[in-house]
Structures are given as C-alpha cells and as structure tokens.
Amino acid sequence: MLLVFASFVALFGCGTSSAASKALKPTSPFTEADARLFQDGIDLVGAPSGLDGRWAQDWAAEMRTRVQRSDLVAIVTVDTMRTDVTPEQRTTYWLDAEVKDVWKGDFGASQLSLPSSQDDLGFQSVDQKRNTVLKQPLLVLAKWEQRPTGEVRPRWHVTLASQEVMATVRKHLQRDNGGSQNTIVQYQSSK
C-alpha cells in the first residue's frame, strides 16, 4: 500500500487527488502496438519535413497514430531530471515536467512525472538526450497503462514542441474532432 501511495505522489506531485484520479482513466486498453508508440522515450525531430523516404513516412504514420491513441497531449517543460537506482543496479530516469497547455485529455494536475526504466524501449533515448530536454517546451503524448496490480502509469513519447511538429499534431487533432477549425482539443491551461 505504501508503494502505491509513493507512486501516486511521485506521479502527480502537488496535483489534487481528484484531478489526478480523473487523469488516470485510460480511454482504451494499452496494447502491444501502443508499447512501440509510447516507449517512454524522447525524439528531438523538430523539423519532420527534413526527413526523407522511409523515415519521413514512419515518423508521419507514428505521429498520427500516437495522437489518435493518446490519453494526453500536452505542452510541458521538464524542470528536473531524477535518476533512481535500485539495489540491483537497475536505473529509472524521471522527467519531472510542468504541464503548460493540455491539447487533448482531461488532466488537472500542474506537474507530470514521466518514468523511463532500463527495460523500456525508449530508455536509451532518455539516457542520450537527458541533458538537452531541460527548460525547453516539449510536446508529450501519453497513454495511460493499467497494470495488473491496478496501478495506472503514463506511457509516453516526448518530442520538441517546434512549430512544425505542433502544426502536424493540431492537424491530426482537428481530423479526430471532425475537421473543426475551431475545436482543436479539450484545451485547458494548467496555470
């Protein structure tokens, strides 16, 4: 029970419990395909138009599917990067982020902690890019995964919040909302 409480506090920092519990409702089950999209990792592709061939096609298809499958799409700023090491020497990085703007999803907390464990597909990207993500606007696409224990945790993908990436995400969100130019998302500012 103490571990569940500690995980809850670590995930949501100073968010209220009612807001945090609202955010922890997966919109659909977490699938094997989701695990490849929400790999708890970072990509710093700020100009996808500069990608060629298969890379461009893969990036576009993965981003479109991430936007559709996400429970949360938000602009965040990573304020702190923490490292936990277990007695067995297993490392987990924690990106502690301030939530600036929510574009999709119902997330009422102002802080979001994103874990990347050594066994996660995206761990190497976090390890390699951990010094480059602090204090800059980033776009997080997250899917809530309910574990067999009942715990719900974010599975996530972070990318640069460049104008080009944000325009692509807005386009996908508009399509998902029936093409409306006026209603991009359930927009809320966490401030």
N, C-alpha and C. Protein backbone atom coordinates (compact mmCIF):
# COMPACT_ATOMS: atom_id res chain seq x y z
N MET A 1 0.82 -1.19 0.00
CA MET A 1 0.00 0.00 0.00
C MET A 1 0.86 1.25 0.00
N LEU A 2 1.97 1.23 0.76
CA LEU A 2 2.86 2.37 0.80
C LEU A 2 3.47 2.63 -0.56
N LEU A 3 3.80 1.56 -1.31
CA LEU A 3 4.37 1.70 -2.64
C LEU A 3 3.38 2.37 -3.59
N VAL A 4 2.10 1.98 -3.52
CA VAL A 4 1.08 2.60 -4.36
C VAL A 4 0.96 4.08 -4.03
N PHE A 5 0.95 4.42 -2.74
CA PHE A 5 0.88 5.83 -2.35
C PHE A 5 2.09 6.60 -2.84
N ALA A 6 3.28 6.02 -2.69
CA ALA A 6 4.51 6.68 -3.14
C ALA A 6 4.48 6.89 -4.65
N SER A 7 3.98 5.91 -5.40
CA SER A 7 3.89 6.04 -6.86
C SER A 7 2.92 7.16 -7.22
N PHE A 8 1.79 7.23 -6.49
CA PHE A 8 0.81 8.27 -6.75
C PHE A 8 1.41 9.65 -6.52
N VAL A 9 2.11 9.82 -5.40
CA VAL A 9 2.74 11.11 -5.08
C VAL A 9 3.81 11.44 -6.11
N ALA A 10 4.61 10.48 -6.49
CA ALA A 10 5.68 10.72 -7.47
C ALA A 10 5.09 11.10 -8.82
N LEU A 11 3.98 10.49 -9.20
CA LEU A 11 3.39 10.77 -10.49
C LEU A 11 2.80 12.17 -10.57
N PHE A 12 2.17 12.60 -9.50
CA PHE A 12 1.40 13.83 -9.60
C PHE A 12 1.84 14.96 -8.70
N GLY A 13 2.91 14.80 -7.99
CA GLY A 13 3.45 15.90 -7.21
C GLY A 13 2.39 16.60 -6.40
N CYS A 14 2.20 17.89 -6.70
CA CYS A 14 1.27 18.67 -5.90
C CYS A 14 -0.12 18.77 -6.52
N GLY A 15 -0.45 17.95 -7.52
CA GLY A 15 -1.80 17.97 -8.07
C GLY A 15 -2.79 17.46 -7.05
N THR A 16 -4.03 17.88 -7.17
CA THR A 16 -5.03 17.41 -6.22
C THR A 16 -5.41 15.98 -6.53
N SER A 17 -5.87 15.27 -5.52
CA SER A 17 -6.19 13.86 -5.74
C SER A 17 -7.38 13.70 -6.68
N SER A 18 -8.36 14.59 -6.63
CA SER A 18 -9.49 14.44 -7.54
C SER A 18 -9.07 14.72 -8.98
N ALA A 19 -8.23 15.69 -9.20
CA ALA A 19 -7.74 15.97 -10.55
C ALA A 19 -6.87 14.83 -11.04
N ALA A 20 -6.03 14.32 -10.16
CA ALA A 20 -5.12 13.24 -10.55
C ALA A 20 -5.90 11.97 -10.87
N SER A 21 -6.95 11.67 -10.07
CA SER A 21 -7.68 10.45 -10.36
C SER A 21 -8.43 10.55 -11.67
N LYS A 22 -8.89 11.75 -12.01
CA LYS A 22 -9.54 11.94 -13.30
C LYS A 22 -8.57 11.61 -14.43
N ALA A 23 -7.32 12.02 -14.28
CA ALA A 23 -6.33 11.84 -15.33
C ALA A 23 -5.93 10.38 -15.49
N LEU A 24 -6.20 9.56 -14.52
CA LEU A 24 -5.75 8.19 -14.55
C LEU A 24 -6.76 7.22 -15.14
N LYS A 25 -7.61 7.67 -16.00
CA LYS A 25 -8.61 6.79 -16.61
C LYS A 25 -8.22 6.53 -18.06
N PRO A 26 -7.67 5.33 -18.34
CA PRO A 26 -7.33 5.00 -19.72
C PRO A 26 -8.58 5.03 -20.60
N THR A 27 -8.44 5.58 -21.80
CA THR A 27 -9.58 5.62 -22.73
C THR A 27 -9.75 4.31 -23.46
N SER A 28 -8.69 3.50 -23.47
CA SER A 28 -8.74 2.18 -24.10
C SER A 28 -7.59 1.35 -23.53
N PRO A 29 -7.65 0.02 -23.69
CA PRO A 29 -6.57 -0.81 -23.17
C PRO A 29 -5.23 -0.48 -23.84
N PHE A 30 -4.15 -0.67 -23.10
CA PHE A 30 -2.80 -0.47 -23.61
C PHE A 30 -2.37 -1.75 -24.34
N THR A 31 -2.05 -1.62 -25.63
CA THR A 31 -1.78 -2.78 -26.48
C THR A 31 -0.28 -2.91 -26.78
N GLU A 32 0.08 -4.04 -27.40
CA GLU A 32 1.48 -4.22 -27.84
C GLU A 32 1.87 -3.15 -28.84
N ALA A 33 0.96 -2.77 -29.72
CA ALA A 33 1.24 -1.70 -30.68
C ALA A 33 1.47 -0.38 -29.96
N ASP A 34 0.72 -0.12 -28.89
CA ASP A 34 0.92 1.09 -28.10
C ASP A 34 2.31 1.11 -27.48
N ALA A 35 2.80 -0.05 -27.06
CA ALA A 35 4.12 -0.13 -26.42
C ALA A 35 5.23 0.35 -27.37
N ARG A 36 5.05 0.17 -28.67
CA ARG A 36 6.04 0.65 -29.64
C ARG A 36 5.91 2.16 -29.88
N LEU A 37 4.71 2.70 -29.69
CA LEU A 37 4.47 4.13 -29.91
C LEU A 37 4.78 4.97 -28.67
N PHE A 38 4.42 4.44 -27.51
CA PHE A 38 4.61 5.13 -26.24
C PHE A 38 5.71 4.38 -25.48
N GLN A 39 6.94 4.57 -25.93
CA GLN A 39 8.07 3.77 -25.48
C GLN A 39 8.84 4.41 -24.35
N ASP A 40 8.27 5.44 -23.72
CA ASP A 40 8.94 6.15 -22.62
C ASP A 40 10.28 6.69 -23.09
N GLY A 41 10.22 7.40 -24.20
CA GLY A 41 11.44 7.92 -24.80
C GLY A 41 11.27 9.28 -25.44
N ILE A 42 12.38 9.78 -25.93
CA ILE A 42 12.48 11.14 -26.46
C ILE A 42 12.92 11.09 -27.92
N ASP A 43 12.27 11.87 -28.77
CA ASP A 43 12.82 12.12 -30.10
C ASP A 43 12.90 13.64 -30.23
N LEU A 44 13.95 14.11 -30.81
CA LEU A 44 14.13 15.55 -30.95
C LEU A 44 14.02 15.99 -32.41
N VAL A 45 13.09 15.37 -33.13
CA VAL A 45 12.83 15.75 -34.51
C VAL A 45 11.96 17.00 -34.47
N GLY A 46 12.56 18.15 -34.71
CA GLY A 46 11.81 19.39 -34.70
C GLY A 46 11.34 19.81 -36.07
N ALA A 47 11.98 19.24 -37.12
CA ALA A 47 11.64 19.58 -38.50
C ALA A 47 11.42 18.29 -39.29
N PRO A 48 10.25 17.67 -39.12
CA PRO A 48 10.00 16.41 -39.83
C PRO A 48 10.04 16.56 -41.34
N SER A 49 9.85 17.77 -41.87
CA SER A 49 9.93 17.97 -43.32
C SER A 49 11.35 17.71 -43.84
N GLY A 50 12.32 17.71 -42.94
CA GLY A 50 13.70 17.42 -43.34
C GLY A 50 14.01 15.93 -43.41
N LEU A 51 13.06 15.09 -42.99
CA LEU A 51 13.25 13.65 -43.10
C LEU A 51 12.95 13.20 -44.52
N ASP A 52 13.62 12.14 -44.96
CA ASP A 52 13.42 11.63 -46.32
C ASP A 52 12.91 10.20 -46.31
N GLY A 53 12.24 9.84 -47.40
CA GLY A 53 11.87 8.45 -47.66
C GLY A 53 11.14 7.77 -46.53
N ARG A 54 11.63 6.58 -46.20
CA ARG A 54 11.00 5.72 -45.20
C ARG A 54 10.94 6.40 -43.83
N TRP A 55 11.99 7.17 -43.45
CA TRP A 55 12.00 7.86 -42.16
C TRP A 55 10.83 8.85 -42.07
N ALA A 56 10.61 9.59 -43.15
CA ALA A 56 9.51 10.56 -43.17
C ALA A 56 8.16 9.86 -43.06
N GLN A 57 8.00 8.76 -43.81
CA GLN A 57 6.74 8.00 -43.78
C GLN A 57 6.49 7.41 -42.40
N ASP A 58 7.53 6.82 -41.81
CA ASP A 58 7.39 6.22 -40.48
C ASP A 58 7.05 7.28 -39.43
N TRP A 59 7.76 8.42 -39.48
CA TRP A 59 7.51 9.48 -38.50
C TRP A 59 6.06 9.96 -38.60
N ALA A 60 5.59 10.21 -39.83
CA ALA A 60 4.23 10.72 -40.03
C ALA A 60 3.18 9.71 -39.56
N ALA A 61 3.37 8.44 -39.91
CA ALA A 61 2.40 7.41 -39.52
C ALA A 61 2.39 7.22 -38.00
N GLU A 62 3.57 7.19 -37.38
CA GLU A 62 3.65 7.01 -35.93
C GLU A 62 3.04 8.20 -35.20
N MET A 63 3.30 9.41 -35.68
CA MET A 63 2.74 10.59 -35.01
C MET A 63 1.22 10.60 -35.13
N ARG A 64 0.71 10.27 -36.30
CA ARG A 64 -0.75 10.23 -36.49
C ARG A 64 -1.38 9.23 -35.51
N THR A 65 -0.79 8.05 -35.40
CA THR A 65 -1.34 7.02 -34.51
C THR A 65 -1.17 7.41 -33.05
N ARG A 66 -0.03 8.01 -32.70
CA ARG A 66 0.16 8.47 -31.32
C ARG A 66 -0.93 9.46 -30.92
N VAL A 67 -1.19 10.42 -31.80
CA VAL A 67 -2.22 11.43 -31.49
C VAL A 67 -3.57 10.75 -31.29
N GLN A 68 -3.92 9.81 -32.16
CA GLN A 68 -5.20 9.12 -32.05
C GLN A 68 -5.30 8.30 -30.77
N ARG A 69 -4.25 7.61 -30.39
CA ARG A 69 -4.26 6.69 -29.25
C ARG A 69 -3.99 7.36 -27.91
N SER A 70 -3.49 8.59 -27.93
CA SER A 70 -3.11 9.29 -26.69
C SER A 70 -4.29 9.55 -25.78
N ASP A 71 -4.03 9.42 -24.48
CA ASP A 71 -4.97 9.89 -23.47
C ASP A 71 -4.66 11.33 -23.08
N LEU A 72 -3.42 11.75 -23.36
CA LEU A 72 -2.99 13.11 -23.03
C LEU A 72 -2.03 13.61 -24.11
N VAL A 73 -2.29 14.79 -24.61
CA VAL A 73 -1.36 15.52 -25.47
C VAL A 73 -1.20 16.89 -24.81
N ALA A 74 0.04 17.24 -24.47
CA ALA A 74 0.24 18.49 -23.73
C ALA A 74 1.61 19.08 -24.04
N ILE A 75 1.69 20.39 -23.88
CA ILE A 75 2.97 21.10 -23.92
C ILE A 75 3.48 21.13 -22.49
N VAL A 76 4.72 20.71 -22.30
CA VAL A 76 5.32 20.65 -20.97
C VAL A 76 6.72 21.27 -21.01
N THR A 77 7.22 21.57 -19.83
CA THR A 77 8.62 21.96 -19.67
C THR A 77 9.21 21.08 -18.58
N VAL A 78 10.27 20.35 -18.93
CA VAL A 78 10.93 19.49 -17.95
C VAL A 78 11.81 20.38 -17.08
N ASP A 79 11.47 20.43 -15.79
CA ASP A 79 12.20 21.26 -14.84
C ASP A 79 13.32 20.49 -14.15
N THR A 80 13.10 19.18 -13.95
CA THR A 80 14.04 18.37 -13.20
C THR A 80 14.15 17.00 -13.84
N MET A 81 15.35 16.46 -13.83
CA MET A 81 15.58 15.07 -14.26
C MET A 81 16.16 14.35 -13.06
N ARG A 82 15.47 13.28 -12.62
CA ARG A 82 15.95 12.49 -11.48
C ARG A 82 16.38 11.12 -11.97
N THR A 83 17.29 10.51 -11.22
CA THR A 83 17.73 9.15 -11.51
C THR A 83 17.57 8.31 -10.25
N ASP A 84 16.86 7.20 -10.40
CA ASP A 84 16.73 6.23 -9.30
C ASP A 84 17.51 4.98 -9.70
N VAL A 85 18.25 4.42 -8.76
CA VAL A 85 18.97 3.17 -8.99
C VAL A 85 18.57 2.21 -7.87
N THR A 86 18.10 1.03 -8.28
CA THR A 86 17.69 0.02 -7.30
C THR A 86 18.92 -0.68 -6.74
N PRO A 87 18.76 -1.42 -5.65
CA PRO A 87 19.89 -2.20 -5.13
C PRO A 87 20.46 -3.18 -6.17
N GLU A 88 19.61 -3.59 -7.13
CA GLU A 88 20.07 -4.49 -8.19
C GLU A 88 20.74 -3.72 -9.33
N GLN A 89 20.93 -2.41 -9.14
CA GLN A 89 21.58 -1.53 -10.11
C GLN A 89 20.75 -1.32 -11.38
N ARG A 90 19.41 -1.33 -11.26
CA ARG A 90 18.51 -1.03 -12.37
C ARG A 90 18.18 0.46 -12.28
N THR A 91 18.34 1.16 -13.38
CA THR A 91 18.17 2.61 -13.43
C THR A 91 16.80 2.99 -13.98
N THR A 92 16.20 4.00 -13.37
CA THR A 92 15.00 4.65 -13.89
C THR A 92 15.25 6.15 -13.90
N TYR A 93 15.02 6.77 -15.05
CA TYR A 93 15.05 8.23 -15.13
C TYR A 93 13.64 8.75 -14.95
N TRP A 94 13.52 9.89 -14.30
CA TRP A 94 12.24 10.56 -14.11
C TRP A 94 12.35 11.96 -14.68
N LEU A 95 11.52 12.28 -15.66
CA LEU A 95 11.42 13.64 -16.18
C LEU A 95 10.27 14.30 -15.44
N ASP A 96 10.56 15.25 -14.58
CA ASP A 96 9.53 15.98 -13.84
C ASP A 96 9.20 17.24 -14.62
N ALA A 97 7.97 17.30 -15.11
CA ALA A 97 7.59 18.36 -16.04
C ALA A 97 6.44 19.20 -15.50
N GLU A 98 6.49 20.48 -15.82
CA GLU A 98 5.37 21.37 -15.56
C GLU A 98 4.47 21.33 -16.78
N VAL A 99 3.20 21.06 -16.57
CA VAL A 99 2.23 21.00 -17.65
C VAL A 99 1.79 22.42 -17.98
N LYS A 100 2.06 22.86 -19.19
CA LYS A 100 1.73 24.22 -19.60
C LYS A 100 0.33 24.29 -20.23
N ASP A 101 0.12 23.51 -21.30
CA ASP A 101 -1.15 23.52 -22.01
C ASP A 101 -1.54 22.09 -22.36
N VAL A 102 -2.79 21.76 -22.07
CA VAL A 102 -3.32 20.44 -22.42
C VAL A 102 -4.11 20.58 -23.71
N TRP A 103 -3.74 19.82 -24.72
CA TRP A 103 -4.43 19.86 -26.01
C TRP A 103 -5.44 18.74 -26.16
N LYS A 104 -5.21 17.64 -25.49
CA LYS A 104 -6.14 16.51 -25.54
C LYS A 104 -6.09 15.82 -24.18
N GLY A 105 -7.25 15.45 -23.70
CA GLY A 105 -7.32 14.72 -22.45
C GLY A 105 -7.80 15.59 -21.31
N ASP A 106 -8.09 14.93 -20.23
CA ASP A 106 -8.60 15.60 -19.04
C ASP A 106 -7.54 15.42 -17.95
N PHE A 107 -6.67 16.41 -17.81
CA PHE A 107 -5.57 16.32 -16.87
C PHE A 107 -5.53 17.61 -16.07
N GLY A 108 -5.87 17.53 -14.81
CA GLY A 108 -5.99 18.72 -14.00
C GLY A 108 -4.78 19.07 -13.16
N ALA A 109 -3.76 18.21 -13.13
CA ALA A 109 -2.58 18.48 -12.32
C ALA A 109 -1.62 19.41 -13.07
N SER A 110 -0.80 20.13 -12.33
CA SER A 110 0.16 21.05 -12.95
C SER A 110 1.52 20.40 -13.16
N GLN A 111 1.73 19.22 -12.58
CA GLN A 111 3.01 18.51 -12.71
C GLN A 111 2.75 17.10 -13.24
N LEU A 112 3.71 16.61 -14.01
CA LEU A 112 3.65 15.25 -14.53
C LEU A 112 5.05 14.66 -14.46
N SER A 113 5.17 13.50 -13.84
CA SER A 113 6.46 12.80 -13.77
C SER A 113 6.43 11.64 -14.74
N LEU A 114 7.42 11.61 -15.63
CA LEU A 114 7.47 10.60 -16.68
C LEU A 114 8.63 9.65 -16.42
N PRO A 115 8.36 8.39 -16.05
CA PRO A 115 9.44 7.45 -15.78
C PRO A 115 9.90 6.74 -17.05
N SER A 116 11.18 6.46 -17.13
CA SER A 116 11.74 5.62 -18.19
C SER A 116 12.71 4.65 -17.52
N SER A 117 12.31 3.39 -17.47
CA SER A 117 13.11 2.36 -16.80
C SER A 117 14.03 1.69 -17.81
N GLN A 118 15.03 1.07 -17.30
CA GLN A 118 16.06 0.44 -18.11
C GLN A 118 15.49 -0.56 -19.12
N ASP A 119 14.38 -1.18 -18.81
CA ASP A 119 13.78 -2.16 -19.71
C ASP A 119 12.84 -1.53 -20.75
N ASP A 120 12.57 -0.24 -20.65
CA ASP A 120 11.68 0.43 -21.59
C ASP A 120 12.39 0.66 -22.93
N LEU A 121 11.62 0.57 -24.03
CA LEU A 121 12.20 0.75 -25.36
C LEU A 121 12.89 2.10 -25.52
N GLY A 122 12.35 3.15 -24.88
CA GLY A 122 12.88 4.49 -25.06
C GLY A 122 13.98 4.88 -24.08
N PHE A 123 14.38 3.98 -23.21
CA PHE A 123 15.36 4.31 -22.17
C PHE A 123 16.65 4.89 -22.74
N GLN A 124 17.19 4.27 -23.79
CA GLN A 124 18.46 4.75 -24.37
C GLN A 124 18.33 6.18 -24.89
N SER A 125 17.17 6.52 -25.45
CA SER A 125 16.98 7.89 -25.95
C SER A 125 16.99 8.89 -24.80
N VAL A 126 16.40 8.52 -23.66
CA VAL A 126 16.42 9.40 -22.49
C VAL A 126 17.84 9.51 -21.96
N ASP A 127 18.54 8.39 -21.90
CA ASP A 127 19.92 8.39 -21.42
C ASP A 127 20.80 9.30 -22.28
N GLN A 128 20.61 9.24 -23.59
CA GLN A 128 21.43 10.03 -24.51
C GLN A 128 21.04 11.50 -24.55
N LYS A 129 19.77 11.81 -24.35
CA LYS A 129 19.28 13.19 -24.54
C LYS A 129 18.90 13.88 -23.25
N ARG A 130 19.22 13.27 -22.12
CA ARG A 130 18.74 13.81 -20.84
C ARG A 130 19.23 15.21 -20.55
N ASN A 131 20.37 15.61 -21.08
CA ASN A 131 20.88 16.96 -20.82
C ASN A 131 20.34 18.00 -21.79
N THR A 132 19.59 17.57 -22.80
CA THR A 132 19.11 18.53 -23.80
C THR A 132 17.63 18.88 -23.66
N VAL A 133 16.91 18.24 -22.74
CA VAL A 133 15.47 18.47 -22.66
C VAL A 133 15.04 19.41 -21.55
N LEU A 134 15.96 19.82 -20.71
CA LEU A 134 15.59 20.68 -19.60
C LEU A 134 15.25 22.09 -20.06
N LYS A 135 14.20 22.65 -19.48
CA LYS A 135 13.83 24.06 -19.62
C LYS A 135 13.48 24.48 -21.04
N GLN A 136 12.98 23.56 -21.86
CA GLN A 136 12.51 23.95 -23.18
C GLN A 136 11.12 23.36 -23.42
N PRO A 137 10.32 24.01 -24.25
CA PRO A 137 8.97 23.48 -24.49
C PRO A 137 9.03 22.16 -25.24
N LEU A 138 8.32 21.18 -24.72
CA LEU A 138 8.26 19.86 -25.31
C LEU A 138 6.80 19.44 -25.45
N LEU A 139 6.56 18.56 -26.39
CA LEU A 139 5.22 18.02 -26.59
C LEU A 139 5.23 16.59 -26.05
N VAL A 140 4.35 16.29 -25.12
CA VAL A 140 4.24 14.94 -24.60
C VAL A 140 2.94 14.32 -25.10
N LEU A 141 3.06 13.10 -25.60
CA LEU A 141 1.91 12.29 -25.98
C LEU A 141 1.94 11.09 -25.05
N ALA A 142 0.90 10.94 -24.25
CA ALA A 142 0.90 9.90 -23.22
C ALA A 142 -0.35 9.04 -23.32
N LYS A 143 -0.17 7.78 -23.00
CA LYS A 143 -1.27 6.82 -22.92
C LYS A 143 -1.21 6.20 -21.54
N TRP A 144 -2.33 6.14 -20.85
CA TRP A 144 -2.35 5.55 -19.51
C TRP A 144 -2.39 4.04 -19.64
N GLU A 145 -1.49 3.37 -18.93
CA GLU A 145 -1.45 1.91 -18.91
C GLU A 145 -1.87 1.42 -17.53
N GLN A 146 -2.90 0.58 -17.51
CA GLN A 146 -3.31 -0.01 -16.24
C GLN A 146 -2.58 -1.34 -16.07
N ARG A 147 -1.82 -1.42 -15.00
CA ARG A 147 -1.04 -2.62 -14.69
C ARG A 147 -1.94 -3.66 -14.03
N PRO A 148 -1.51 -4.93 -14.01
CA PRO A 148 -2.31 -5.97 -13.34
C PRO A 148 -2.56 -5.68 -11.87
N THR A 149 -1.68 -4.89 -11.24
CA THR A 149 -1.86 -4.53 -9.83
C THR A 149 -2.94 -3.48 -9.63
N GLY A 150 -3.44 -2.90 -10.73
CA GLY A 150 -4.41 -1.83 -10.64
C GLY A 150 -3.78 -0.45 -10.78
N GLU A 151 -2.46 -0.38 -10.60
CA GLU A 151 -1.74 0.89 -10.76
C GLU A 151 -1.87 1.37 -12.22
N VAL A 152 -2.05 2.66 -12.39
CA VAL A 152 -2.10 3.25 -13.72
C VAL A 152 -0.90 4.19 -13.84
N ARG A 153 -0.15 4.03 -14.90
CA ARG A 153 1.03 4.88 -15.09
C ARG A 153 1.06 5.42 -16.51
N PRO A 154 1.72 6.56 -16.71
CA PRO A 154 1.83 7.08 -18.07
C PRO A 154 2.86 6.30 -18.86
N ARG A 155 2.53 5.97 -20.10
CA ARG A 155 3.49 5.50 -21.08
C ARG A 155 3.54 6.64 -22.08
N TRP A 156 4.70 7.05 -22.51
CA TRP A 156 4.80 8.36 -23.15
C TRP A 156 5.84 8.41 -24.27
N HIS A 157 5.69 9.48 -25.05
CA HIS A 157 6.64 9.84 -26.09
C HIS A 157 6.77 11.36 -26.02
N VAL A 158 8.00 11.86 -25.97
CA VAL A 158 8.25 13.30 -25.91
C VAL A 158 9.00 13.72 -27.16
N THR A 159 8.62 14.85 -27.71
CA THR A 159 9.29 15.42 -28.87
C THR A 159 9.37 16.93 -28.71
N LEU A 160 10.15 17.57 -29.55
CA LEU A 160 10.26 19.03 -29.49
C LEU A 160 8.91 19.67 -29.83
N ALA A 161 8.58 20.75 -29.16
CA ALA A 161 7.36 21.49 -29.45
C ALA A 161 7.67 22.57 -30.48
N SER A 162 8.21 22.14 -31.62
CA SER A 162 8.52 23.09 -32.71
C SER A 162 7.22 23.46 -33.41
N GLN A 163 7.25 24.54 -34.16
CA GLN A 163 6.07 24.98 -34.90
C GLN A 163 5.59 23.89 -35.86
N GLU A 164 6.55 23.24 -36.52
CA GLU A 164 6.19 22.21 -37.50
C GLU A 164 5.54 20.98 -36.83
N VAL A 165 6.11 20.53 -35.74
CA VAL A 165 5.54 19.38 -35.03
C VAL A 165 4.17 19.75 -34.47
N MET A 166 4.05 20.92 -33.86
CA MET A 166 2.76 21.32 -33.30
C MET A 166 1.69 21.47 -34.38
N ALA A 167 2.08 21.97 -35.55
CA ALA A 167 1.11 22.08 -36.66
C ALA A 167 0.63 20.70 -37.10
N THR A 168 1.53 19.75 -37.15
CA THR A 168 1.16 18.37 -37.52
C THR A 168 0.20 17.79 -36.50
N VAL A 169 0.50 17.96 -35.22
CA VAL A 169 -0.36 17.42 -34.16
C VAL A 169 -1.72 18.11 -34.20
N ARG A 170 -1.75 19.42 -34.38
CA ARG A 170 -3.04 20.14 -34.47
C ARG A 170 -3.89 19.58 -35.62
N LYS A 171 -3.24 19.34 -36.76
CA LYS A 171 -3.95 18.81 -37.93
C LYS A 171 -4.59 17.46 -37.58
N HIS A 172 -3.86 16.59 -36.92
CA HIS A 172 -4.41 15.29 -36.54
C HIS A 172 -5.54 15.43 -35.52
N LEU A 173 -5.38 16.32 -34.57
CA LEU A 173 -6.43 16.54 -33.57
C LEU A 173 -7.69 17.09 -34.22
N GLN A 174 -7.53 17.99 -35.19
CA GLN A 174 -8.70 18.53 -35.90
C GLN A 174 -9.42 17.43 -36.66
N ARG A 175 -8.66 16.56 -37.31
CA ARG A 175 -9.28 15.44 -38.04
C ARG A 175 -10.05 14.54 -37.07
N ASP A 176 -9.45 14.28 -35.91
CA ASP A 176 -10.11 13.43 -34.91
C ASP A 176 -11.37 14.07 -34.36
N ASN A 177 -11.47 15.39 -34.44
CA ASN A 177 -12.65 16.13 -33.95
C ASN A 177 -13.56 16.54 -35.09
N GLY A 178 -13.58 15.77 -36.17
CA GLY A 178 -14.49 16.04 -37.28
C GLY A 178 -14.07 17.17 -38.18
N GLY A 179 -12.81 17.56 -38.16
CA GLY A 179 -12.31 18.58 -39.06
C GLY A 179 -12.58 20.01 -38.63
N SER A 180 -13.10 20.20 -37.44
CA SER A 180 -13.41 21.54 -36.98
C SER A 180 -12.15 22.38 -36.82
N GLN A 181 -12.15 23.56 -37.40
CA GLN A 181 -11.04 24.50 -37.23
C GLN A 181 -11.11 25.20 -35.88
N ASN A 182 -12.30 25.27 -35.30
CA ASN A 182 -12.48 25.99 -34.05
C ASN A 182 -12.23 25.13 -32.82
N THR A 183 -12.51 23.84 -32.93
CA THR A 183 -12.33 22.96 -31.79
C THR A 183 -11.18 22.02 -32.07
N ILE A 184 -10.01 22.40 -31.64
CA ILE A 184 -8.86 21.54 -31.84
C ILE A 184 -8.88 20.43 -30.82
N VAL A 185 -9.08 20.78 -29.57
CA VAL A 185 -8.97 19.83 -28.48
C VAL A 185 -9.80 20.32 -27.31
N GLN A 186 -9.79 19.52 -26.24
CA GLN A 186 -10.33 19.99 -24.98
C GLN A 186 -9.23 20.83 -24.36
N TYR A 187 -9.12 22.07 -24.74
CA TYR A 187 -7.99 22.91 -24.35
C TYR A 187 -8.15 23.42 -22.93
N GLN A 188 -7.08 23.32 -22.18
CA GLN A 188 -7.07 23.91 -20.85
C GLN A 188 -5.65 24.31 -20.52
N SER A 189 -5.49 25.40 -19.87
CA SER A 189 -4.17 25.80 -19.38
C SER A 189 -4.08 25.36 -17.94
N SER A 190 -2.94 24.81 -17.59
CA SER A 190 -2.81 24.32 -16.21
C SER A 190 -2.49 25.43 -15.23
N LYS A 191 -2.29 26.62 -15.72
CA LYS A 191 -1.96 27.74 -14.81
C LYS A 191 -3.18 28.42 -14.28
